[in-house]
Amino acid sequence: IDSYITKIGTVCYTVQLGNRVRVMCLNDDKN
């Protein structure tokens, strides 16, 4: 539902699970 491209080209993003739960998926590599 939203995303961010890091300086090494990997991605952070957020996904919605059901109505009330979200997971924020972060890429911290050499960031």
Full PDB file with SEQRES, HELIX, SHEET, SSBOND, CRYST1, ORIGX, SCALE, CONECT and MASTER records, all heavy atoms in Angstrom:
SEQRES   1 A   31  ILE ASP SER TYR ILE THR LYS ILE GLY THR VAL CYS TYR          
SEQRES   2 A   31  THR VAL GLN LEU GLY ASN ARG VAL ARG VAL MET CYS LEU          
SEQRES   3 A   31  ASN ASP ASP LYS ASN                                          
SHEET    1 AA1 3 ASP A   2  ILE A   5  0                                        
SHEET    2 AA1 3 VAL A  11  LEU A  17 -1                                        
SHEET    3 AA1 3 VAL A  21  CYS A  25 -1                                        
CRYST1    1.000    1.000    1.000  90.00  90.00  90.00 P 1           1          
ORIGX1      1.000000  0.000000  0.000000        0.00000                         
ORIGX2      0.000000  1.000000  0.000000        0.00000                         
ORIGX3      0.000000  0.000000  1.000000        0.00000                         
SCALE1      1.000000  0.000000  0.000000        0.00000                         
SCALE2      0.000000  1.000000  0.000000        0.00000                         
SCALE3      0.000000  0.000000  1.000000        0.00000                         
ATOM      1  N   ILE A   1       0.839  -1.199   0.000  1.00  0.00           N  
ATOM      2  CA  ILE A   1       0.000   0.000   0.000  1.00  0.00           C  
ATOM      3  C   ILE A   1       0.876   1.251   0.000  1.00  0.00           C  
ATOM      4  O   ILE A   1       0.387   2.353  -0.259  1.00  0.00           O  
ATOM      5  CB  ILE A   1      -0.971   0.018   1.193  1.00  0.00           C  
ATOM      6  CG1 ILE A   1      -0.227  -0.028   2.529  1.00  0.00           C  
ATOM      7  CG2 ILE A   1      -1.961  -1.148   1.099  1.00  0.00           C  
ATOM      8  CD1 ILE A   1      -1.125   0.163   3.746  1.00  0.00           C  
ATOM      9  N   ASP A   2       2.163   1.074   0.289  1.00  0.00           N  
ATOM     10  CA  ASP A   2       3.124   2.162   0.190  1.00  0.00           C  
ATOM     11  C   ASP A   2       4.522   1.536   0.162  1.00  0.00           C  
ATOM     12  O   ASP A   2       4.728   0.432   0.690  1.00  0.00           O  
ATOM     13  CB  ASP A   2       3.004   3.120   1.380  1.00  0.00           C  
ATOM     14  CG  ASP A   2       3.493   4.524   1.032  1.00  0.00           C  
ATOM     15  OD1 ASP A   2       4.248   4.668   0.045  1.00  0.00           O  
ATOM     16  OD2 ASP A   2       3.131   5.470   1.759  1.00  0.00           O  
ATOM     17  N   SER A   3       5.487   2.229  -0.442  1.00  0.00           N  
ATOM     18  CA  SER A   3       6.835   1.667  -0.535  1.00  0.00           C  
ATOM     19  C   SER A   3       7.880   2.766  -0.617  1.00  0.00           C  
ATOM     20  O   SER A   3       7.563   3.941  -0.882  1.00  0.00           O  
ATOM     21  CB  SER A   3       6.947   0.732  -1.748  1.00  0.00           C  
ATOM     22  OG  SER A   3       6.732   1.448  -2.952  1.00  0.00           O  
ATOM     23  N   TYR A   4       9.125   2.362  -0.399  1.00  0.00           N  
ATOM     24  CA  TYR A   4      10.255   3.292  -0.427  1.00  0.00           C  
ATOM     25  C   TYR A   4      11.463   2.547  -0.986  1.00  0.00           C  
ATOM     26  O   TYR A   4      11.776   1.436  -0.528  1.00  0.00           O  
ATOM     27  CB  TYR A   4      10.550   3.791   0.993  1.00  0.00           C  
ATOM     28  CG  TYR A   4      11.789   4.650   1.104  1.00  0.00           C  
ATOM     29  CD1 TYR A   4      11.723   6.028   0.945  1.00  0.00           C  
ATOM     30  CD2 TYR A   4      13.036   4.066   1.364  1.00  0.00           C  
ATOM     31  CE1 TYR A   4      12.860   6.820   1.044  1.00  0.00           C  
ATOM     32  CE2 TYR A   4      14.176   4.858   1.468  1.00  0.00           C  
ATOM     33  CZ  TYR A   4      14.089   6.217   1.302  1.00  0.00           C  
ATOM     34  OH  TYR A   4      15.216   7.003   1.401  1.00  0.00           O  
ATOM     35  N   ILE A   5      12.144   3.118  -1.957  1.00  0.00           N  
ATOM     36  CA  ILE A   5      13.337   2.504  -2.543  1.00  0.00           C  
ATOM     37  C   ILE A   5      14.574   3.072  -1.840  1.00  0.00           C  
ATOM     38  O   ILE A   5      14.765   4.283  -1.774  1.00  0.00           O  
ATOM     39  CB  ILE A   5      13.430   2.759  -4.057  1.00  0.00           C  
ATOM     40  CG1 ILE A   5      12.225   2.142  -4.763  1.00  0.00           C  
ATOM     41  CG2 ILE A   5      14.720   2.169  -4.626  1.00  0.00           C  
ATOM     42  CD1 ILE A   5      12.109   0.633  -4.629  1.00  0.00           C  
ATOM     43  N   THR A   6      15.412   2.181  -1.311  1.00  0.00           N  
ATOM     44  CA  THR A   6      16.606   2.605  -0.578  1.00  0.00           C  
ATOM     45  C   THR A   6      17.709   3.033  -1.545  1.00  0.00           C  
ATOM     46  O   THR A   6      17.615   2.844  -2.755  1.00  0.00           O  
ATOM     47  CB  THR A   6      17.138   1.460   0.301  1.00  0.00           C  
ATOM     48  OG1 THR A   6      17.759   0.473  -0.538  1.00  0.00           O  
ATOM     49  CG2 THR A   6      16.024   0.821   1.100  1.00  0.00           C  
ATOM     50  N   LYS A   7      18.794   3.538  -0.977  1.00  0.00           N  
ATOM     51  CA  LYS A   7      19.879   4.057  -1.816  1.00  0.00           C  
ATOM     52  C   LYS A   7      20.640   2.958  -2.553  1.00  0.00           C  
ATOM     53  O   LYS A   7      21.362   3.251  -3.506  1.00  0.00           O  
ATOM     54  CB  LYS A   7      20.840   4.905  -0.990  1.00  0.00           C  
ATOM     55  CG  LYS A   7      21.643   4.140   0.053  1.00  0.00           C  
ATOM     56  CD  LYS A   7      22.567   5.103   0.790  1.00  0.00           C  
ATOM     57  CE  LYS A   7      23.473   4.376   1.754  1.00  0.00           C  
ATOM     58  NZ  LYS A   7      24.374   5.299   2.473  1.00  0.00           N  
ATOM     59  N   ILE A   8      20.483   1.674  -2.132  1.00  0.00           N  
ATOM     60  CA  ILE A   8      21.120   0.594  -2.884  1.00  0.00           C  
ATOM     61  C   ILE A   8      20.115  -0.126  -3.786  1.00  0.00           C  
ATOM     62  O   ILE A   8      20.417  -1.165  -4.363  1.00  0.00           O  
ATOM     63  CB  ILE A   8      21.831  -0.417  -1.958  1.00  0.00           C  
ATOM     64  CG1 ILE A   8      20.832  -1.141  -1.055  1.00  0.00           C  
ATOM     65  CG2 ILE A   8      22.927   0.249  -1.149  1.00  0.00           C  
ATOM     66  CD1 ILE A   8      21.422  -2.345  -0.341  1.00  0.00           C  
ATOM     67  N   GLY A   9      18.910   0.447  -3.880  1.00  0.00           N  
ATOM     68  CA  GLY A   9      17.923  -0.070  -4.817  1.00  0.00           C  
ATOM     69  C   GLY A   9      17.008  -1.138  -4.276  1.00  0.00           C  
ATOM     70  O   GLY A   9      16.184  -1.685  -5.017  1.00  0.00           O  
ATOM     71  N   THR A  10      17.118  -1.480  -2.987  1.00  0.00           N  
ATOM     72  CA  THR A  10      16.194  -2.435  -2.390  1.00  0.00           C  
ATOM     73  C   THR A  10      14.932  -1.702  -1.948  1.00  0.00           C  
ATOM     74  O   THR A  10      14.845  -0.482  -2.035  1.00  0.00           O  
ATOM     75  CB  THR A  10      16.857  -3.159  -1.205  1.00  0.00           C  
ATOM     76  OG1 THR A  10      17.372  -2.182  -0.291  1.00  0.00           O  
ATOM     77  CG2 THR A  10      17.995  -4.047  -1.686  1.00  0.00           C  
ATOM     78  N   VAL A  11      13.954  -2.446  -1.447  1.00  0.00           N  
ATOM     79  CA  VAL A  11      12.655  -1.832  -1.195  1.00  0.00           C  
ATOM     80  C   VAL A  11      12.190  -2.051   0.242  1.00  0.00           C  
ATOM     81  O   VAL A  11      12.388  -3.121   0.830  1.00  0.00           O  
ATOM     82  CB  VAL A  11      11.593  -2.379  -2.178  1.00  0.00           C  
ATOM     83  CG1 VAL A  11      11.369  -3.864  -1.993  1.00  0.00           C  
ATOM     84  CG2 VAL A  11      10.272  -1.613  -2.056  1.00  0.00           C  
ATOM     85  N   CYS A  12      11.610  -1.003   0.824  1.00  0.00           N  
ATOM     86  CA  CYS A  12      10.826  -1.099   2.051  1.00  0.00           C  
ATOM     87  C   CYS A  12       9.369  -0.928   1.646  1.00  0.00           C  
ATOM     88  O   CYS A  12       9.070  -0.129   0.754  1.00  0.00           O  
ATOM     89  CB  CYS A  12      11.201   0.002   3.035  1.00  0.00           C  
ATOM     90  SG  CYS A  12      12.930   0.045   3.539  1.00  0.00           S  
ATOM     91  N   TYR A  13       8.472  -1.639   2.285  1.00  0.00           N  
ATOM     92  CA  TYR A  13       7.066  -1.516   1.893  1.00  0.00           C  
ATOM     93  C   TYR A  13       6.152  -1.900   3.054  1.00  0.00           C  
ATOM     94  O   TYR A  13       6.577  -2.536   4.030  1.00  0.00           O  
ATOM     95  CB  TYR A  13       6.765  -2.388   0.671  1.00  0.00           C  
ATOM     96  CG  TYR A  13       6.939  -3.877   0.882  1.00  0.00           C  
ATOM     97  CD1 TYR A  13       5.859  -4.677   1.270  1.00  0.00           C  
ATOM     98  CD2 TYR A  13       8.171  -4.495   0.685  1.00  0.00           C  
ATOM     99  CE1 TYR A  13       6.008  -6.046   1.450  1.00  0.00           C  
ATOM    100  CE2 TYR A  13       8.332  -5.857   0.856  1.00  0.00           C  
ATOM    101  CZ  TYR A  13       7.246  -6.629   1.251  1.00  0.00           C  
ATOM    102  OH  TYR A  13       7.401  -7.979   1.438  1.00  0.00           O  
ATOM    103  N   THR A  14       4.913  -1.485   2.948  1.00  0.00           N  
ATOM    104  CA  THR A  14       3.891  -1.808   3.943  1.00  0.00           C  
ATOM    105  C   THR A  14       2.746  -2.552   3.269  1.00  0.00           C  
ATOM    106  O   THR A  14       2.321  -2.171   2.168  1.00  0.00           O  
ATOM    107  CB  THR A  14       3.338  -0.530   4.602  1.00  0.00           C  
ATOM    108  OG1 THR A  14       4.414   0.203   5.183  1.00  0.00           O  
ATOM    109  CG2 THR A  14       2.324  -0.857   5.681  1.00  0.00           C  
ATOM    110  N   VAL A  15       2.275  -3.620   3.927  1.00  0.00           N  
ATOM    111  CA  VAL A  15       1.137  -4.367   3.399  1.00  0.00           C  
ATOM    112  C   VAL A  15       0.020  -4.408   4.440  1.00  0.00           C  
ATOM    113  O   VAL A  15       0.278  -4.383   5.649  1.00  0.00           O  
ATOM    114  CB  VAL A  15       1.520  -5.816   2.997  1.00  0.00           C  
ATOM    115  CG1 VAL A  15       2.406  -5.815   1.771  1.00  0.00           C  
ATOM    116  CG2 VAL A  15       2.180  -6.558   4.141  1.00  0.00           C  
ATOM    117  N   GLN A  16      -1.190  -4.443   3.945  1.00  0.00           N  
ATOM    118  CA  GLN A  16      -2.376  -4.521   4.796  1.00  0.00           C  
ATOM    119  C   GLN A  16      -2.823  -5.974   4.862  1.00  0.00           C  
ATOM    120  O   GLN A  16      -3.006  -6.639   3.842  1.00  0.00           O  
ATOM    121  CB  GLN A  16      -3.502  -3.663   4.205  1.00  0.00           C  
ATOM    122  CG  GLN A  16      -4.760  -3.603   5.045  1.00  0.00           C  
ATOM    123  CD  GLN A  16      -4.680  -2.543   6.136  1.00  0.00           C  
ATOM    124  OE1 GLN A  16      -4.038  -1.515   5.970  1.00  0.00           O  
ATOM    125  NE2 GLN A  16      -5.350  -2.802   7.252  1.00  0.00           N  
ATOM    126  N   LEU A  17      -3.014  -6.475   6.088  1.00  0.00           N  
ATOM    127  CA  LEU A  17      -3.536  -7.831   6.285  1.00  0.00           C  
ATOM    128  C   LEU A  17      -4.883  -7.706   6.985  1.00  0.00           C  
ATOM    129  O   LEU A  17      -4.937  -7.330   8.161  1.00  0.00           O  
ATOM    130  CB  LEU A  17      -2.579  -8.671   7.138  1.00  0.00           C  
ATOM    131  CG  LEU A  17      -1.141  -8.834   6.633  1.00  0.00           C  
ATOM    132  CD1 LEU A  17      -0.338  -9.708   7.600  1.00  0.00           C  
ATOM    133  CD2 LEU A  17      -1.120  -9.448   5.244  1.00  0.00           C  
ATOM    134  N   GLY A  18      -5.954  -8.023   6.300  1.00  0.00           N  
ATOM    135  CA  GLY A  18      -7.272  -7.837   6.900  1.00  0.00           C  
ATOM    136  C   GLY A  18      -7.555  -6.365   7.092  1.00  0.00           C  
ATOM    137  O   GLY A  18      -6.959  -5.496   6.458  1.00  0.00           O  
ATOM    138  N   ASN A  19      -8.481  -6.071   7.990  1.00  0.00           N  
ATOM    139  CA  ASN A  19      -8.902  -4.684   8.175  1.00  0.00           C  
ATOM    140  C   ASN A  19      -8.065  -3.913   9.183  1.00  0.00           C  
ATOM    141  O   ASN A  19      -7.954  -2.694   9.099  1.00  0.00           O  
ATOM    142  CB  ASN A  19     -10.372  -4.644   8.634  1.00  0.00           C  
ATOM    143  CG  ASN A  19     -11.308  -5.176   7.571  1.00  0.00           C  
ATOM    144  OD1 ASN A  19     -11.080  -4.955   6.384  1.00  0.00           O  
ATOM    145  ND2 ASN A  19     -12.347  -5.879   7.999  1.00  0.00           N  
ATOM    146  N   ARG A  20      -7.453  -4.617  10.150  1.00  0.00           N  
ATOM    147  CA  ARG A  20      -6.867  -3.916  11.281  1.00  0.00           C  
ATOM    148  C   ARG A  20      -5.395  -4.225  11.519  1.00  0.00           C  
ATOM    149  O   ARG A  20      -4.840  -3.824  12.540  1.00  0.00           O  
ATOM    150  CB  ARG A  20      -7.659  -4.259  12.562  1.00  0.00           C  
ATOM    151  CG  ARG A  20      -9.158  -3.929  12.489  1.00  0.00           C  
ATOM    152  CD  ARG A  20      -9.417  -2.451  12.402  1.00  0.00           C  
ATOM    153  NE  ARG A  20      -8.980  -1.761  13.595  1.00  0.00           N  
ATOM    154  CZ  ARG A  20      -9.717  -1.655  14.702  1.00  0.00           C  
ATOM    155  NH1 ARG A  20     -10.925  -2.186  14.743  1.00  0.00           N  
ATOM    156  NH2 ARG A  20      -9.253  -1.010  15.740  1.00  0.00           N  
ATOM    157  N   VAL A  21      -4.739  -4.934  10.604  1.00  0.00           N  
ATOM    158  CA  VAL A  21      -3.346  -5.323  10.814  1.00  0.00           C  
ATOM    159  C   VAL A  21      -2.506  -4.938   9.602  1.00  0.00           C  
ATOM    160  O   VAL A  21      -2.893  -5.200   8.457  1.00  0.00           O  
ATOM    161  CB  VAL A  21      -3.210  -6.848  11.066  1.00  0.00           C  
ATOM    162  CG1 VAL A  21      -1.747  -7.230  11.288  1.00  0.00           C  
ATOM    163  CG2 VAL A  21      -4.061  -7.271  12.257  1.00  0.00           C  
ATOM    164  N   ARG A  22      -1.370  -4.297   9.866  1.00  0.00           N  
ATOM    165  CA  ARG A  22      -0.412  -3.983   8.816  1.00  0.00           C  
ATOM    166  C   ARG A  22       0.966  -4.504   9.211  1.00  0.00           C  
ATOM    167  O   ARG A  22       1.294  -4.567  10.399  1.00  0.00           O  
ATOM    168  CB  ARG A  22      -0.330  -2.468   8.578  1.00  0.00           C  
ATOM    169  CG  ARG A  22      -1.523  -1.906   7.868  1.00  0.00           C  
ATOM    170  CD  ARG A  22      -1.411  -0.407   7.667  1.00  0.00           C  
ATOM    171  NE  ARG A  22      -2.691   0.127   7.211  1.00  0.00           N  
ATOM    172  CZ  ARG A  22      -3.006   1.415   7.177  1.00  0.00           C  
ATOM    173  NH1 ARG A  22      -2.105   2.314   7.567  1.00  0.00           N  
ATOM    174  NH2 ARG A  22      -4.189   1.808   6.752  1.00  0.00           N  
ATOM    175  N   VAL A  23       1.757  -4.822   8.197  1.00  0.00           N  
ATOM    176  CA  VAL A  23       3.149  -5.206   8.427  1.00  0.00           C  
ATOM    177  C   VAL A  23       4.042  -4.270   7.618  1.00  0.00           C  
ATOM    178  O   VAL A  23       3.842  -4.105   6.408  1.00  0.00           O  
ATOM    179  CB  VAL A  23       3.411  -6.675   8.050  1.00  0.00           C  
ATOM    180  CG1 VAL A  23       4.881  -7.033   8.301  1.00  0.00           C  
ATOM    181  CG2 VAL A  23       2.500  -7.608   8.847  1.00  0.00           C  
ATOM    182  N   MET A  24       4.995  -3.649   8.309  1.00  0.00           N  
ATOM    183  CA  MET A  24       5.946  -2.750   7.665  1.00  0.00           C  
ATOM    184  C   MET A  24       7.250  -3.524   7.441  1.00  0.00           C  
ATOM    185  O   MET A  24       7.903  -3.946   8.399  1.00  0.00           O  
ATOM    186  CB  MET A  24       6.194  -1.520   8.548  1.00  0.00           C  
ATOM    187  CG  MET A  24       7.167  -0.516   7.962  1.00  0.00           C  
ATOM    188  SD  MET A  24       7.262   1.016   8.954  1.00  0.00           S  
ATOM    189  CE  MET A  24       7.840   0.380  10.545  1.00  0.00           C  
ATOM    190  N   CYS A  25       7.589  -3.718   6.172  1.00  0.00           N  
ATOM    191  CA  CYS A  25       8.710  -4.579   5.788  1.00  0.00           C  
ATOM    192  C   CYS A  25       9.904  -3.705   5.405  1.00  0.00           C  
ATOM    193  O   CYS A  25       9.861  -3.014   4.381  1.00  0.00           O  
ATOM    194  CB  CYS A  25       8.304  -5.463   4.612  1.00  0.00           C  
ATOM    195  SG  CYS A  25       6.763  -6.387   4.902  1.00  0.00           S  
ATOM    196  N   LEU A  26      10.941  -3.724   6.226  1.00  0.00           N  
ATOM    197  CA  LEU A  26      12.051  -2.788   6.082  1.00  0.00           C  
ATOM    198  C   LEU A  26      13.309  -3.483   5.576  1.00  0.00           C  
ATOM    199  O   LEU A  26      13.634  -4.586   6.019  1.00  0.00           O  
ATOM    200  CB  LEU A  26      12.351  -2.116   7.422  1.00  0.00           C  
ATOM    201  CG  LEU A  26      11.181  -1.366   8.058  1.00  0.00           C  
ATOM    202  CD1 LEU A  26      11.584  -0.814   9.419  1.00  0.00           C  
ATOM    203  CD2 LEU A  26      10.694  -0.236   7.146  1.00  0.00           C  
ATOM    204  N   ASN A  27      14.013  -2.815   4.687  1.00  0.00           N  
ATOM    205  CA  ASN A  27      15.303  -3.305   4.220  1.00  0.00           C  
ATOM    206  C   ASN A  27      16.378  -2.363   4.756  1.00  0.00           C  
ATOM    207  O   ASN A  27      16.448  -1.198   4.362  1.00  0.00           O  
ATOM    208  CB  ASN A  27      15.348  -3.365   2.693  1.00  0.00           C  
ATOM    209  CG  ASN A  27      16.480  -4.235   2.205  1.00  0.00           C  
ATOM    210  OD1 ASN A  27      17.626  -4.013   2.578  1.00  0.00           O  
ATOM    211  ND2 ASN A  27      16.160  -5.224   1.397  1.00  0.00           N  
ATOM    212  N   ASP A  28      17.206  -2.882   5.656  1.00  0.00           N  
ATOM    213  CA  ASP A  28      18.189  -2.036   6.338  1.00  0.00           C  
ATOM    214  C   ASP A  28      19.617  -2.212   5.816  1.00  0.00           C  
ATOM    215  O   ASP A  28      20.567  -1.702   6.408  1.00  0.00           O  
ATOM    216  CB  ASP A  28      18.165  -2.304   7.852  1.00  0.00           C  
ATOM    217  CG  ASP A  28      18.406  -3.768   8.192  1.00  0.00           C  
ATOM    218  OD1 ASP A  28      19.100  -4.461   7.431  1.00  0.00           O  
ATOM    219  OD2 ASP A  28      17.903  -4.220   9.239  1.00  0.00           O  
ATOM    220  N   ASP A  29      19.792  -2.925   4.708  1.00  0.00           N  
ATOM    221  CA  ASP A  29      21.134  -3.221   4.181  1.00  0.00           C  
ATOM    222  C   ASP A  29      21.917  -1.964   3.840  1.00  0.00           C  
ATOM    223  O   ASP A  29      21.498  -1.185   2.976  1.00  0.00           O  
ATOM    224  CB  ASP A  29      21.033  -4.059   2.901  1.00  0.00           C  
ATOM    225  CG  ASP A  29      20.646  -5.487   3.185  1.00  0.00           C  
ATOM    226  OD1 ASP A  29      20.589  -5.856   4.359  1.00  0.00           O  
ATOM    227  OD2 ASP A  29      20.413  -6.222   2.214  1.00  0.00           O  
ATOM    228  N   LYS A  30      23.052  -1.777   4.499  1.00  0.00           N  
ATOM    229  CA  LYS A  30      23.994  -0.696   4.161  1.00  0.00           C  
ATOM    230  C   LYS A  30      23.254   0.614   3.860  1.00  0.00           C  
ATOM    231  O   LYS A  30      23.600   1.357   2.937  1.00  0.00           O  
ATOM    232  CB  LYS A  30      24.866  -1.106   2.970  1.00  0.00           C  
ATOM    233  CG  LYS A  30      25.765  -2.304   3.298  1.00  0.00           C  
ATOM    234  CD  LYS A  30      26.723  -2.609   2.178  1.00  0.00           C  
ATOM    235  CE  LYS A  30      27.619  -3.791   2.506  1.00  0.00           C  
ATOM    236  NZ  LYS A  30      28.539  -3.547   3.609  1.00  0.00           N  
ATOM    237  N   ASN A  31      22.233   0.853   4.643  1.00  0.00           N  
ATOM    238  CA  ASN A  31      21.335   1.984   4.388  1.00  0.00           C  
ATOM    239  C   ASN A  31      21.720   3.210   5.211  1.00  0.00           C  
ATOM    240  O   ASN A  31      21.041   4.208   5.187  1.00  0.00           O  
ATOM    241  CB  ASN A  31      19.892   1.553   4.707  1.00  0.00           C  
ATOM    242  CG  ASN A  31      18.869   2.378   3.972  1.00  0.00           C  
ATOM    243  OD1 ASN A  31      19.206   3.285   3.231  1.00  0.00           O  
ATOM    244  ND2 ASN A  31      17.597   2.085   4.197  1.00  0.00           N  
TER     245      ASN A  31                                                      
MASTER        0    0    0    0    3    0    0    6  244    1    0    3          
END                                                                             
